[in-house]
């Protein structure tokens, strides 16, 4: 079997409202704001940390654990644009913005959303935009921390 390739195969959309986080519709996703061409190649940073619950009993000879609460951290590193009308990520990702970040992996970006496709859906609220330190031979960038406000759905199916 071939590996799922990343380059050009990650669609990232900010959607202000979803009726069902487990089954976002094609219309809801298509009506959102596409961000994949504004996020740097290494700028989609979604990670999950999980606490451990100690579950050892008096009779145990091991330190038993169970999975505890999980915390998802989402950070986007986006490019700035010269033309204000094209500086969509900077304009959109204002502190306090709420909605959903939908991520589709493994399908070319140019392919539209379609029924049955799998997407990850994260309920989010944006924090303060943070300009990134300039670098030689680079572009102007900023980071946006998106706070995960409720349980995510990593196996949502487009309806």
N, C-alpha and C. Protein backbone atom coordinates (compact mmCIF):
# COMPACT_ATOMS: atom_id res chain seq x y z
N UNK A 1 0.83 -1.18 0.00
CA UNK A 1 0.00 0.00 0.00
C UNK A 1 0.87 1.24 0.00
N UNK A 2 0.40 2.25 -0.67
CA UNK A 2 1.13 3.51 -0.73
C UNK A 2 0.82 4.36 0.49
N UNK A 3 1.77 5.21 0.85
CA UNK A 3 1.57 6.14 1.95
C UNK A 3 0.66 7.28 1.48
N UNK A 4 -0.11 7.85 2.41
CA UNK A 4 -0.93 9.02 2.11
C UNK A 4 0.00 10.23 2.06
N UNK A 5 0.01 10.92 0.94
CA UNK A 5 0.90 12.06 0.77
C UNK A 5 0.28 13.33 1.34
N UNK A 6 1.13 14.21 1.83
CA UNK A 6 0.68 15.44 2.45
C UNK A 6 0.66 16.61 1.47
N UNK A 7 1.73 16.77 0.69
CA UNK A 7 1.84 17.94 -0.19
C UNK A 7 0.65 18.08 -1.12
N UNK A 8 -0.02 19.22 -1.03
CA UNK A 8 -1.15 19.52 -1.89
C UNK A 8 -2.41 18.72 -1.60
N UNK A 9 -2.41 17.97 -0.51
CA UNK A 9 -3.52 17.08 -0.20
C UNK A 9 -4.16 17.36 1.16
N UNK A 10 -4.05 18.59 1.64
CA UNK A 10 -4.68 18.98 2.90
C UNK A 10 -5.54 20.21 2.67
N UNK A 11 -6.82 20.06 2.86
CA UNK A 11 -7.76 21.17 2.72
C UNK A 11 -8.14 21.63 4.12
N UNK A 12 -8.03 22.95 4.37
CA UNK A 12 -8.32 23.51 5.69
C UNK A 12 -9.34 24.64 5.49
N UNK A 13 -10.47 24.51 6.15
CA UNK A 13 -11.56 25.48 5.97
C UNK A 13 -12.07 25.94 7.32
N UNK A 14 -12.23 27.27 7.45
CA UNK A 14 -12.89 27.81 8.64
C UNK A 14 -14.36 27.95 8.31
N UNK A 15 -15.21 27.37 9.14
CA UNK A 15 -16.67 27.39 8.94
C UNK A 15 -17.30 28.04 10.17
N UNK A 16 -18.07 29.13 9.98
CA UNK A 16 -18.64 29.82 11.14
C UNK A 16 -19.72 29.02 11.88
N UNK A 17 -20.51 28.24 11.15
CA UNK A 17 -21.62 27.52 11.78
C UNK A 17 -21.76 26.13 11.15
N UNK A 18 -21.94 25.13 12.00
CA UNK A 18 -22.24 23.76 11.55
C UNK A 18 -23.46 23.27 12.31
N UNK A 19 -24.38 22.66 11.62
CA UNK A 19 -25.56 22.10 12.29
C UNK A 19 -25.21 20.82 13.04
N UNK A 20 -24.28 20.03 12.48
CA UNK A 20 -23.92 18.74 13.07
C UNK A 20 -22.42 18.53 12.88
N UNK A 21 -21.66 18.54 13.97
CA UNK A 21 -20.21 18.40 13.89
C UNK A 21 -19.79 17.04 13.32
N UNK A 22 -20.63 16.03 13.44
CA UNK A 22 -20.31 14.70 12.92
C UNK A 22 -20.62 14.56 11.44
N UNK A 23 -21.43 15.48 10.91
CA UNK A 23 -21.85 15.38 9.51
C UNK A 23 -21.99 16.77 8.89
N UNK A 24 -20.87 17.48 8.75
CA UNK A 24 -20.96 18.79 8.09
C UNK A 24 -21.40 18.60 6.64
N UNK A 25 -22.20 19.51 6.14
CA UNK A 25 -22.69 19.37 4.77
C UNK A 25 -21.71 19.97 3.77
N UNK A 26 -21.85 19.55 2.52
CA UNK A 26 -21.04 20.11 1.45
C UNK A 26 -21.25 21.62 1.40
N UNK A 27 -22.50 22.06 1.53
CA UNK A 27 -22.81 23.49 1.46
C UNK A 27 -22.14 24.26 2.61
N UNK A 28 -22.17 23.71 3.83
CA UNK A 28 -21.54 24.38 4.97
C UNK A 28 -20.03 24.51 4.75
N UNK A 29 -19.40 23.43 4.31
CA UNK A 29 -17.95 23.44 4.11
C UNK A 29 -17.55 24.33 2.94
N UNK A 30 -18.30 24.25 1.85
CA UNK A 30 -18.00 25.07 0.68
C UNK A 30 -18.23 26.54 0.97
N UNK A 31 -19.17 26.84 1.84
CA UNK A 31 -19.45 28.23 2.21
C UNK A 31 -18.46 28.81 3.20
N UNK A 32 -17.56 27.98 3.72
CA UNK A 32 -16.55 28.46 4.66
C UNK A 32 -15.40 29.16 3.95
N UNK A 33 -14.39 29.53 4.70
CA UNK A 33 -13.22 30.22 4.16
C UNK A 33 -12.06 29.25 4.04
N UNK A 34 -11.58 29.04 2.82
CA UNK A 34 -10.44 28.15 2.58
C UNK A 34 -9.16 28.84 3.05
N UNK A 35 -8.38 28.11 3.83
CA UNK A 35 -7.15 28.68 4.39
C UNK A 35 -5.88 27.97 3.92
N UNK A 36 -6.00 26.83 3.26
CA UNK A 36 -4.82 26.02 2.95
C UNK A 36 -3.76 26.73 2.12
N UNK A 37 -4.15 27.67 1.29
CA UNK A 37 -3.17 28.41 0.48
C UNK A 37 -2.65 29.65 1.21
N UNK A 38 -3.08 29.84 2.45
CA UNK A 38 -2.60 30.94 3.28
C UNK A 38 -1.81 30.44 4.49
N UNK A 39 -1.81 29.13 4.69
CA UNK A 39 -1.06 28.50 5.78
C UNK A 39 0.27 28.01 5.22
N UNK A 40 1.35 28.30 5.92
CA UNK A 40 2.68 27.85 5.49
C UNK A 40 2.71 26.32 5.42
N UNK A 41 3.63 25.78 4.62
CA UNK A 41 3.71 24.33 4.41
C UNK A 41 3.81 23.55 5.72
N UNK A 42 4.50 24.12 6.71
CA UNK A 42 4.62 23.46 8.01
C UNK A 42 3.78 24.16 9.08
N UNK A 43 2.78 24.92 8.64
CA UNK A 43 2.05 25.79 9.55
C UNK A 43 0.73 25.27 10.08
N UNK A 44 0.36 24.04 9.76
CA UNK A 44 -0.85 23.45 10.34
C UNK A 44 -0.40 22.56 11.49
N UNK A 45 -0.47 23.08 12.69
CA UNK A 45 0.05 22.39 13.87
C UNK A 45 -1.11 22.04 14.80
N UNK A 46 -1.56 20.80 14.70
CA UNK A 46 -2.64 20.30 15.56
C UNK A 46 -2.06 19.16 16.38
N UNK A 47 -2.07 19.32 17.69
CA UNK A 47 -1.54 18.26 18.54
C UNK A 47 -2.48 18.03 19.72
N UNK A 48 -2.45 16.82 20.23
CA UNK A 48 -3.31 16.47 21.36
C UNK A 48 -2.45 15.89 22.47
N UNK A 49 -2.69 16.37 23.67
CA UNK A 49 -2.03 15.86 24.85
C UNK A 49 -3.11 15.22 25.71
N UNK A 50 -2.76 14.14 26.38
CA UNK A 50 -3.75 13.45 27.19
C UNK A 50 -3.19 13.21 28.58
N UNK A 51 -3.94 13.58 29.57
CA UNK A 51 -3.54 13.36 30.95
C UNK A 51 -3.71 11.89 31.31
N UNK A 52 -2.96 11.45 32.31
CA UNK A 52 -3.07 10.07 32.78
C UNK A 52 -3.74 10.05 34.15
N UNK A 53 -4.63 9.10 34.33
CA UNK A 53 -5.30 8.90 35.61
C UNK A 53 -4.65 7.71 36.29
N UNK A 54 -4.18 7.91 37.49
CA UNK A 54 -3.59 6.81 38.24
C UNK A 54 -4.70 5.84 38.63
N UNK A 55 -4.51 4.57 38.30
CA UNK A 55 -5.54 3.57 38.58
C UNK A 55 -4.97 2.36 39.32
N UNK A 56 -3.87 2.57 40.03
CA UNK A 56 -3.25 1.46 40.75
C UNK A 56 -4.08 1.08 41.97
N UNK A 57 -4.13 -0.20 42.22
CA UNK A 57 -4.84 -0.74 43.39
C UNK A 57 -3.82 -1.23 44.41
N UNK A 58 -4.25 -1.40 45.61
CA UNK A 58 -3.37 -1.84 46.68
C UNK A 58 -2.71 -3.17 46.34
N UNK A 59 -3.42 -4.02 45.62
CA UNK A 59 -2.90 -5.35 45.31
C UNK A 59 -1.99 -5.37 44.08
N UNK A 60 -1.90 -4.25 43.36
CA UNK A 60 -1.10 -4.21 42.13
C UNK A 60 0.39 -4.16 42.41
N UNK A 61 1.14 -4.67 41.45
CA UNK A 61 2.60 -4.56 41.51
C UNK A 61 3.11 -3.68 40.36
N UNK A 62 2.19 -3.00 39.71
CA UNK A 62 2.54 -2.06 38.65
C UNK A 62 1.81 -0.74 38.92
N UNK A 63 2.27 0.32 38.31
CA UNK A 63 1.58 1.59 38.37
C UNK A 63 0.61 1.64 37.18
N UNK A 64 -0.62 1.25 37.41
CA UNK A 64 -1.62 1.21 36.34
C UNK A 64 -2.15 2.61 36.06
N UNK A 65 -2.46 2.86 34.79
CA UNK A 65 -3.01 4.15 34.39
C UNK A 65 -4.17 3.95 33.43
N UNK A 66 -5.00 4.98 33.37
CA UNK A 66 -6.11 5.04 32.42
C UNK A 66 -6.02 6.39 31.70
N UNK A 67 -6.57 6.47 30.49
CA UNK A 67 -6.54 7.77 29.81
C UNK A 67 -7.44 8.77 30.52
N UNK A 68 -6.93 10.00 30.64
CA UNK A 68 -7.68 11.07 31.28
C UNK A 68 -8.17 12.07 30.26
N UNK A 69 -8.29 13.31 30.67
CA UNK A 69 -8.77 14.36 29.78
C UNK A 69 -7.75 14.66 28.69
N UNK A 70 -8.27 14.94 27.51
CA UNK A 70 -7.41 15.29 26.39
C UNK A 70 -7.52 16.78 26.11
N UNK A 71 -6.43 17.35 25.62
CA UNK A 71 -6.40 18.77 25.26
C UNK A 71 -5.80 18.89 23.87
N UNK A 72 -6.54 19.48 22.96
CA UNK A 72 -6.05 19.70 21.60
C UNK A 72 -5.58 21.13 21.47
N UNK A 73 -4.39 21.28 20.92
CA UNK A 73 -3.80 22.59 20.67
C UNK A 73 -3.70 22.79 19.17
N UNK A 74 -4.20 23.92 18.70
CA UNK A 74 -4.19 24.22 17.26
C UNK A 74 -3.48 25.55 17.05
N UNK A 75 -2.44 25.51 16.25
CA UNK A 75 -1.72 26.73 15.91
C UNK A 75 -1.54 26.76 14.39
N UNK A 76 -1.94 27.87 13.79
CA UNK A 76 -1.77 28.08 12.36
C UNK A 76 -0.70 29.13 12.14
N UNK A 77 0.25 28.84 11.27
CA UNK A 77 1.22 29.85 10.85
C UNK A 77 0.85 30.23 9.43
N UNK A 78 0.42 31.48 9.27
CA UNK A 78 -0.12 31.95 7.99
C UNK A 78 0.76 33.02 7.38
N UNK A 79 0.63 33.18 6.08
CA UNK A 79 1.35 34.20 5.34
C UNK A 79 0.49 35.45 5.25
N UNK A 80 1.15 36.62 5.26
CA UNK A 80 0.46 37.89 5.03
C UNK A 80 0.47 38.17 3.53
N UNK A 81 -0.50 38.92 3.06
CA UNK A 81 -0.60 39.29 1.63
C UNK A 81 -0.45 40.80 1.47
N UNK A 82 0.13 41.23 0.33
CA UNK A 82 0.32 42.66 0.04
C UNK A 82 -0.99 43.40 -0.16
N UNK A 83 -1.93 42.74 -0.85
CA UNK A 83 -3.20 43.37 -1.19
C UNK A 83 -4.19 43.09 -0.05
N UNK A 84 -4.73 44.14 0.59
CA UNK A 84 -5.63 43.92 1.73
C UNK A 84 -6.78 42.95 1.44
N UNK A 85 -7.35 42.98 0.27
CA UNK A 85 -8.47 42.09 -0.06
C UNK A 85 -8.04 40.63 -0.11
N UNK A 86 -6.74 40.38 -0.30
CA UNK A 86 -6.22 39.01 -0.35
C UNK A 86 -5.66 38.55 0.99
N UNK A 87 -5.56 39.46 1.94
CA UNK A 87 -5.00 39.15 3.26
C UNK A 87 -6.08 38.52 4.14
N UNK A 88 -6.68 37.48 3.61
CA UNK A 88 -7.88 36.86 4.19
C UNK A 88 -7.63 36.26 5.57
N UNK A 89 -6.53 35.53 5.74
CA UNK A 89 -6.27 34.89 7.04
C UNK A 89 -6.10 35.95 8.13
N UNK A 90 -5.35 37.01 7.84
CA UNK A 90 -5.12 38.08 8.82
C UNK A 90 -6.43 38.76 9.19
N UNK A 91 -7.25 39.01 8.19
CA UNK A 91 -8.53 39.68 8.41
C UNK A 91 -9.51 38.78 9.17
N UNK A 92 -9.54 37.49 8.84
CA UNK A 92 -10.49 36.56 9.43
C UNK A 92 -10.15 36.19 10.87
N UNK A 93 -8.91 35.83 11.11
CA UNK A 93 -8.54 35.21 12.38
C UNK A 93 -8.32 36.23 13.50
N UNK A 94 -9.34 37.00 13.77
CA UNK A 94 -9.32 38.01 14.83
C UNK A 94 -9.61 37.34 16.18
N UNK A 95 -9.06 37.91 17.24
CA UNK A 95 -9.30 37.40 18.59
C UNK A 95 -10.81 37.36 18.86
N UNK A 96 -11.26 36.23 19.38
CA UNK A 96 -12.67 36.07 19.73
C UNK A 96 -13.50 35.41 18.65
N UNK A 97 -12.95 35.24 17.43
CA UNK A 97 -13.68 34.57 16.36
C UNK A 97 -14.03 33.15 16.80
N UNK A 98 -15.28 32.74 16.62
CA UNK A 98 -15.68 31.38 16.96
C UNK A 98 -16.22 30.68 15.73
N UNK A 99 -16.08 29.37 15.72
CA UNK A 99 -16.57 28.57 14.61
C UNK A 99 -15.91 27.20 14.64
N UNK A 100 -15.65 26.67 13.46
CA UNK A 100 -15.12 25.32 13.33
C UNK A 100 -13.98 25.31 12.31
N UNK A 101 -12.92 24.58 12.62
CA UNK A 101 -11.85 24.35 11.67
C UNK A 101 -12.04 22.95 11.13
N UNK A 102 -12.25 22.84 9.82
CA UNK A 102 -12.42 21.54 9.17
C UNK A 102 -11.14 21.23 8.41
N UNK A 103 -10.61 20.02 8.61
CA UNK A 103 -9.38 19.60 7.95
C UNK A 103 -9.66 18.29 7.22
N UNK A 104 -9.42 18.32 5.91
CA UNK A 104 -9.55 17.10 5.09
C UNK A 104 -8.16 16.72 4.62
N UNK A 105 -7.80 15.48 4.82
CA UNK A 105 -6.45 15.01 4.48
C UNK A 105 -6.51 13.93 3.39
N UNK A 106 -5.45 13.90 2.57
CA UNK A 106 -5.28 12.80 1.63
C UNK A 106 -6.01 12.94 0.31
N UNK A 107 -6.64 14.07 0.06
CA UNK A 107 -7.35 14.31 -1.20
C UNK A 107 -6.83 15.63 -1.75
N UNK A 108 -6.53 15.71 -3.06
CA UNK A 108 -6.00 16.95 -3.62
C UNK A 108 -6.86 18.16 -3.25
N UNK A 109 -6.18 19.27 -2.93
CA UNK A 109 -6.84 20.50 -2.51
C UNK A 109 -7.86 20.96 -3.54
N UNK A 110 -7.57 20.79 -4.82
CA UNK A 110 -8.46 21.26 -5.89
C UNK A 110 -9.78 20.49 -5.94
N UNK A 111 -9.83 19.33 -5.31
CA UNK A 111 -11.06 18.53 -5.27
C UNK A 111 -12.02 19.14 -4.26
N UNK A 112 -13.22 19.43 -4.71
CA UNK A 112 -14.22 20.01 -3.81
C UNK A 112 -14.68 19.01 -2.77
N UNK A 113 -15.30 19.54 -1.74
CA UNK A 113 -15.89 18.67 -0.73
C UNK A 113 -17.00 17.85 -1.37
N UNK A 114 -17.12 16.58 -0.95
CA UNK A 114 -18.15 15.70 -1.49
C UNK A 114 -18.67 14.79 -0.39
N UNK A 115 -19.90 14.37 -0.55
CA UNK A 115 -20.54 13.48 0.41
C UNK A 115 -19.70 12.23 0.62
N UNK A 116 -19.55 11.85 1.89
CA UNK A 116 -18.81 10.65 2.25
C UNK A 116 -17.35 10.88 2.59
N UNK A 117 -16.78 12.02 2.20
CA UNK A 117 -15.39 12.29 2.54
C UNK A 117 -15.24 12.42 4.05
N UNK A 118 -14.08 12.02 4.56
CA UNK A 118 -13.79 12.14 5.99
C UNK A 118 -13.11 13.48 6.25
N UNK A 119 -13.54 14.15 7.31
CA UNK A 119 -12.93 15.41 7.74
C UNK A 119 -12.78 15.40 9.25
N UNK A 120 -11.80 16.14 9.71
CA UNK A 120 -11.64 16.39 11.14
C UNK A 120 -12.33 17.73 11.39
N UNK A 121 -13.11 17.82 12.46
CA UNK A 121 -13.80 19.07 12.78
C UNK A 121 -13.47 19.46 14.21
N UNK A 122 -12.95 20.69 14.35
CA UNK A 122 -12.54 21.22 15.64
C UNK A 122 -13.35 22.48 15.96
N UNK A 123 -14.16 22.48 17.04
CA UNK A 123 -14.81 23.71 17.48
C UNK A 123 -13.73 24.63 18.07
N UNK A 124 -13.66 25.87 17.60
CA UNK A 124 -12.55 26.73 18.00
C UNK A 124 -12.97 28.15 18.32
N UNK A 125 -12.09 28.82 19.07
CA UNK A 125 -12.18 30.25 19.32
C UNK A 125 -10.76 30.80 19.14
N UNK A 126 -10.63 31.85 18.34
CA UNK A 126 -9.31 32.40 18.02
C UNK A 126 -8.77 33.29 19.13
N UNK A 127 -7.47 33.18 19.34
CA UNK A 127 -6.76 34.06 20.25
C UNK A 127 -6.16 35.23 19.47
N UNK A 128 -5.25 35.92 20.11
CA UNK A 128 -4.60 37.08 19.51
C UNK A 128 -3.67 36.64 18.39
N UNK A 129 -3.71 37.37 17.27
CA UNK A 129 -2.76 37.11 16.18
C UNK A 129 -1.38 37.56 16.63
N UNK A 130 -0.36 36.78 16.28
CA UNK A 130 1.00 37.08 16.69
C UNK A 130 1.93 37.16 15.47
N UNK A 131 2.35 38.37 15.08
CA UNK A 131 3.30 38.47 13.98
C UNK A 131 4.57 37.68 14.30
N UNK A 132 5.11 37.01 13.28
CA UNK A 132 6.32 36.21 13.43
C UNK A 132 7.53 37.08 13.08
N UNK A 133 8.60 36.88 13.80
CA UNK A 133 9.83 37.63 13.57
C UNK A 133 10.26 37.50 12.10
N UNK A 134 10.59 38.62 11.44
CA UNK A 134 11.03 38.55 10.05
C UNK A 134 12.31 37.74 9.92
N UNK A 135 12.48 37.13 8.74
CA UNK A 135 13.69 36.37 8.47
C UNK A 135 14.18 36.68 7.07
N UNK A 136 15.48 36.56 6.86
CA UNK A 136 16.04 36.78 5.53
C UNK A 136 15.47 35.76 4.56
N UNK A 137 15.21 36.20 3.34
CA UNK A 137 14.67 35.32 2.30
C UNK A 137 13.37 34.66 2.73
N UNK A 138 12.53 35.41 3.41
CA UNK A 138 11.27 34.86 3.90
C UNK A 138 10.10 35.76 3.57
N UNK A 139 8.95 35.32 3.95
CA UNK A 139 7.73 36.09 3.77
C UNK A 139 7.23 36.53 5.14
N UNK A 140 6.38 37.56 5.14
CA UNK A 140 5.78 37.99 6.40
C UNK A 140 4.75 36.96 6.83
N UNK A 141 4.83 36.56 8.11
CA UNK A 141 3.95 35.53 8.64
C UNK A 141 3.38 35.97 9.98
N UNK A 142 2.31 35.28 10.37
CA UNK A 142 1.77 35.46 11.71
C UNK A 142 1.25 34.12 12.20
N UNK A 143 1.15 33.98 13.50
CA UNK A 143 0.60 32.78 14.11
C UNK A 143 -0.76 33.09 14.70
N UNK A 144 -1.65 32.13 14.59
CA UNK A 144 -2.96 32.25 15.21
C UNK A 144 -3.21 31.01 16.05
N UNK A 145 -3.38 31.22 17.34
CA UNK A 145 -3.72 30.11 18.24
C UNK A 145 -5.24 29.96 18.21
N UNK A 146 -5.70 28.76 17.91
CA UNK A 146 -7.13 28.46 17.94
C UNK A 146 -7.38 27.57 19.14
N UNK A 147 -8.21 28.01 20.05
CA UNK A 147 -8.49 27.25 21.26
C UNK A 147 -9.65 26.30 21.00
N UNK A 148 -9.42 25.04 21.27
CA UNK A 148 -10.44 24.00 21.08
C UNK A 148 -11.47 24.14 22.20
N UNK A 149 -12.71 24.51 21.84
CA UNK A 149 -13.71 24.87 22.85
C UNK A 149 -14.64 23.73 23.26
N UNK A 150 -14.63 22.63 22.53
CA UNK A 150 -15.49 21.49 22.83
C UNK A 150 -14.87 20.25 22.19
N UNK A 151 -15.50 19.12 22.39
CA UNK A 151 -14.97 17.88 21.81
C UNK A 151 -14.91 17.98 20.30
N UNK A 152 -13.79 17.55 19.74
CA UNK A 152 -13.61 17.51 18.30
C UNK A 152 -14.17 16.22 17.74
N UNK A 153 -14.32 16.17 16.43
CA UNK A 153 -14.72 14.94 15.76
C UNK A 153 -13.68 14.66 14.67
N UNK A 154 -12.84 13.65 14.92
CA UNK A 154 -11.77 13.32 13.98
C UNK A 154 -12.24 12.40 12.87
N UNK A 155 -13.46 11.92 12.95
CA UNK A 155 -14.00 10.99 11.96
C UNK A 155 -15.32 11.45 11.39
N UNK A 156 -15.50 12.76 11.23
CA UNK A 156 -16.75 13.28 10.67
C UNK A 156 -16.83 12.88 9.20
N UNK A 157 -18.04 12.69 8.72
CA UNK A 157 -18.28 12.35 7.31
C UNK A 157 -19.11 13.46 6.69
N UNK A 158 -18.66 13.94 5.55
CA UNK A 158 -19.39 15.01 4.87
C UNK A 158 -20.74 14.49 4.42
N UNK A 159 -21.79 15.25 4.72
CA UNK A 159 -23.16 14.84 4.38
C UNK A 159 -23.61 15.54 3.11
